[in-house]
Amino acid sequence: MRGLVLDFGGVLAGPGTDAAALGGILAEVRRRGVRTAILSNDPGGPAAAPLRDLGRGRLVDEVVLSADVGTAKPDPRSYLAVARRLGLEPSACVFVDDLRVNVDGAVATGMVGVHHADAAEVVAELTVLFGLDEPSQAGAARRDEDERDAGR
């Protein structure tokens, strides 16, 4: 797999997520040359600036909002647009979302779909799909740092 596309709300942020572990996965796959993106149904505008700021290499390579492409998930054009932005065929991408209907939409375009129902399961699945050794070493180290900082 040469691309990893994630939803933001419900995957990278919000209840039931593990931003540190998924951030570790993102960092490791990017280090290995995998192209990464956030695909969100965010309507854009000034309030989307913090989400857009996660792109350009800060967390991911690209941030694609429904406002940018004129269509929202699960419309196939959303997934095709993000694959194009990454310079990849959909079949080279893994897509992660907390809504099954959005995962099904990605699969219909040829992407590998991962339904985010449990953060640990998603980390384990991405570890296998991308051939990573330890699923959460980077995330665990970051969590340990955060806990130490919070205790000060």
Protein backbone atom coordinates (compact mmCIF):
# COMPACT_ATOMS: atom_id res chain seq x y z
CA MET A 1 0.00 0.00 0.00
CA ARG A 2 1.34 3.41 -0.91
CA GLY A 3 -1.35 5.69 0.53
CA LEU A 4 -3.10 6.13 3.88
CA VAL A 5 -6.22 8.30 4.05
CA LEU A 6 -7.99 8.99 7.33
CA ASP A 7 -11.13 10.79 8.39
CA PHE A 8 -10.49 13.37 11.11
CA GLY A 9 -13.46 13.40 13.50
CA GLY A 10 -13.96 9.98 15.05
CA VAL A 11 -10.57 8.71 13.87
CA LEU A 12 -7.89 11.25 14.79
CA ALA A 13 -9.96 13.28 17.25
CA GLY A 14 -12.93 12.66 19.52
CA PRO A 15 -14.17 9.94 21.86
CA GLY A 16 -12.78 6.45 21.26
CA THR A 17 -9.75 7.66 19.34
CA ASP A 18 -6.05 7.30 20.09
CA ALA A 19 -4.41 10.27 18.38
CA ALA A 20 -0.98 9.39 19.79
CA ALA A 21 -0.99 5.83 18.41
CA LEU A 22 -2.38 6.85 15.02
CA GLY A 23 0.04 9.78 14.93
CA GLY A 24 2.83 7.26 15.45
CA ILE A 25 1.52 5.13 12.59
CA LEU A 26 1.28 8.21 10.35
CA ALA A 27 4.84 9.26 11.18
CA GLU A 28 6.22 5.78 10.51
CA VAL A 29 4.43 5.21 7.21
CA ARG A 30 5.42 8.69 6.02
CA ARG A 31 9.03 7.92 6.95
CA ARG A 32 8.71 4.86 4.69
CA GLY A 33 7.46 6.96 1.76
CA VAL A 34 3.73 6.30 2.09
CA ARG A 35 1.62 9.30 1.01
CA THR A 36 -0.92 10.38 3.65
CA ALA A 37 -4.07 12.47 3.73
CA ILE A 38 -7.07 13.50 5.77
CA LEU A 39 -10.40 13.31 3.92
CA SER A 40 -13.11 15.16 5.81
CA ASN A 41 -16.67 16.25 5.12
CA ASP A 42 -15.79 19.57 6.75
CA PRO A 43 -17.53 22.43 4.90
CA GLY A 44 -14.37 24.56 4.88
CA GLY A 45 -14.27 28.26 5.58
CA PRO A 46 -12.23 30.06 8.25
CA ALA A 47 -13.13 27.51 10.93
CA ALA A 48 -11.34 24.81 8.90
CA ALA A 49 -7.94 26.53 9.18
CA PRO A 50 -6.68 24.31 12.06
CA LEU A 51 -7.68 21.20 10.10
CA ARG A 52 -5.99 22.46 6.93
CA ASP A 53 -2.86 23.21 8.98
CA LEU A 54 -2.43 19.47 9.60
CA GLY A 55 -1.45 19.12 5.94
CA ARG A 56 1.71 20.09 4.10
CA GLY A 57 3.72 17.59 6.10
CA ARG A 58 2.75 18.67 9.60
CA LEU A 59 0.74 15.50 10.26
CA VAL A 60 -0.19 14.38 6.74
CA ASP A 61 0.80 15.29 3.20
CA GLU A 62 -2.65 16.52 2.13
CA VAL A 63 -5.92 17.65 3.70
CA VAL A 64 -8.94 17.33 1.41
CA LEU A 65 -12.23 18.81 2.57
CA SER A 66 -15.62 18.27 0.96
CA ALA A 67 -15.69 22.02 0.34
CA ASP A 68 -12.54 21.64 -1.80
CA VAL A 69 -13.91 18.94 -4.07
CA GLY A 70 -17.59 19.87 -4.17
CA THR A 71 -18.76 16.51 -2.91
CA ALA A 72 -18.85 14.64 0.39
CA LYS A 73 -18.20 11.08 1.50
CA PRO A 74 -19.54 8.54 0.63
CA ASP A 75 -19.70 9.96 -2.92
CA PRO A 76 -17.04 8.12 -4.95
CA ARG A 77 -15.72 11.43 -6.30
CA SER A 78 -14.43 12.28 -2.80
CA TYR A 79 -12.19 9.22 -2.68
CA LEU A 80 -11.06 9.66 -6.27
CA ALA A 81 -10.16 13.30 -5.54
CA VAL A 82 -8.00 12.43 -2.53
CA ALA A 83 -6.25 9.63 -4.45
CA ARG A 84 -5.52 12.11 -7.27
CA ARG A 85 -4.12 14.63 -4.76
CA LEU A 86 -1.81 11.91 -3.47
CA GLY A 87 -0.80 10.95 -7.01
CA LEU A 88 -2.03 7.39 -6.49
CA GLU A 89 -4.61 4.99 -7.82
CA PRO A 90 -7.39 4.28 -5.30
CA SER A 91 -6.27 0.63 -5.19
CA ALA A 92 -2.96 1.78 -3.65
CA CYS A 93 -4.73 3.47 -0.72
CA VAL A 94 -6.05 2.42 2.67
CA PHE A 95 -8.99 4.47 3.97
CA VAL A 96 -9.97 4.68 7.67
CA ASP A 97 -13.30 6.13 8.87
CA ASP A 98 -15.57 5.68 11.87
CA LEU A 99 -18.69 5.49 9.67
CA ARG A 100 -19.26 2.18 7.88
CA VAL A 101 -21.06 3.90 4.98
CA ASN A 102 -17.92 5.97 4.27
CA VAL A 103 -15.69 2.89 4.43
CA ASP A 104 -18.04 1.13 2.00
CA GLY A 105 -17.82 4.13 -0.34
CA ALA A 106 -14.03 3.94 -0.33
CA VAL A 107 -14.06 0.20 -0.97
CA ALA A 108 -16.39 0.74 -3.94
CA THR A 109 -13.66 2.89 -5.57
CA GLY A 110 -11.00 0.22 -5.02
CA MET A 111 -9.47 1.39 -1.74
CA VAL A 112 -8.84 -0.96 1.16
CA GLY A 113 -11.31 0.05 3.87
CA VAL A 114 -10.77 -0.02 7.63
CA HIS A 115 -13.74 0.69 9.88
CA HIS A 116 -12.63 2.58 13.01
CA ALA A 117 -14.74 1.05 15.78
CA ASP A 118 -11.86 0.46 18.20
CA ALA A 119 -8.58 2.40 18.11
CA ALA A 120 -6.41 -0.56 19.15
CA GLU A 121 -7.91 -2.74 16.41
CA VAL A 122 -7.30 -0.05 13.79
CA VAL A 123 -3.68 0.33 14.90
CA ALA A 124 -3.24 -3.46 14.71
CA GLU A 125 -4.81 -3.63 11.25
CA LEU A 126 -2.71 -0.75 9.90
CA THR A 127 0.38 -2.38 11.37
CA VAL A 128 -0.31 -5.49 9.29
CA LEU A 129 -1.36 -3.63 6.12
CA PHE A 130 1.79 -1.49 6.11
CA GLY A 131 4.19 -4.15 7.43
CA LEU A 132 5.13 -2.25 10.58
CA ASP A 133 6.95 -4.03 13.41
CA GLU A 134 5.43 -2.59 16.56
CA PRO A 135 2.02 -0.99 16.14
CA SER A 136 2.22 1.63 18.83
CA GLN A 137 5.83 2.21 19.85
CA ALA A 138 5.81 5.82 18.67
CA GLY A 139 2.32 6.39 20.02
CA ALA A 140 3.18 4.80 23.36
CA ALA A 141 6.32 6.90 23.69
CA ARG A 142 4.34 10.04 22.91
CA ARG A 143 1.65 9.06 25.47
CA ASP A 144 4.34 8.47 28.11
CA GLU A 145 5.80 11.92 27.38
CA ASP A 146 2.35 13.53 27.62
CA GLU A 147 1.66 11.79 30.94
CA ARG A 148 5.03 12.95 32.33
CA ASP A 149 4.35 16.51 31.17
CA ALA A 150 0.84 16.47 32.68
CA GLY A 151 2.27 15.34 36.03
CA ARG A 152 4.57 18.36 36.27
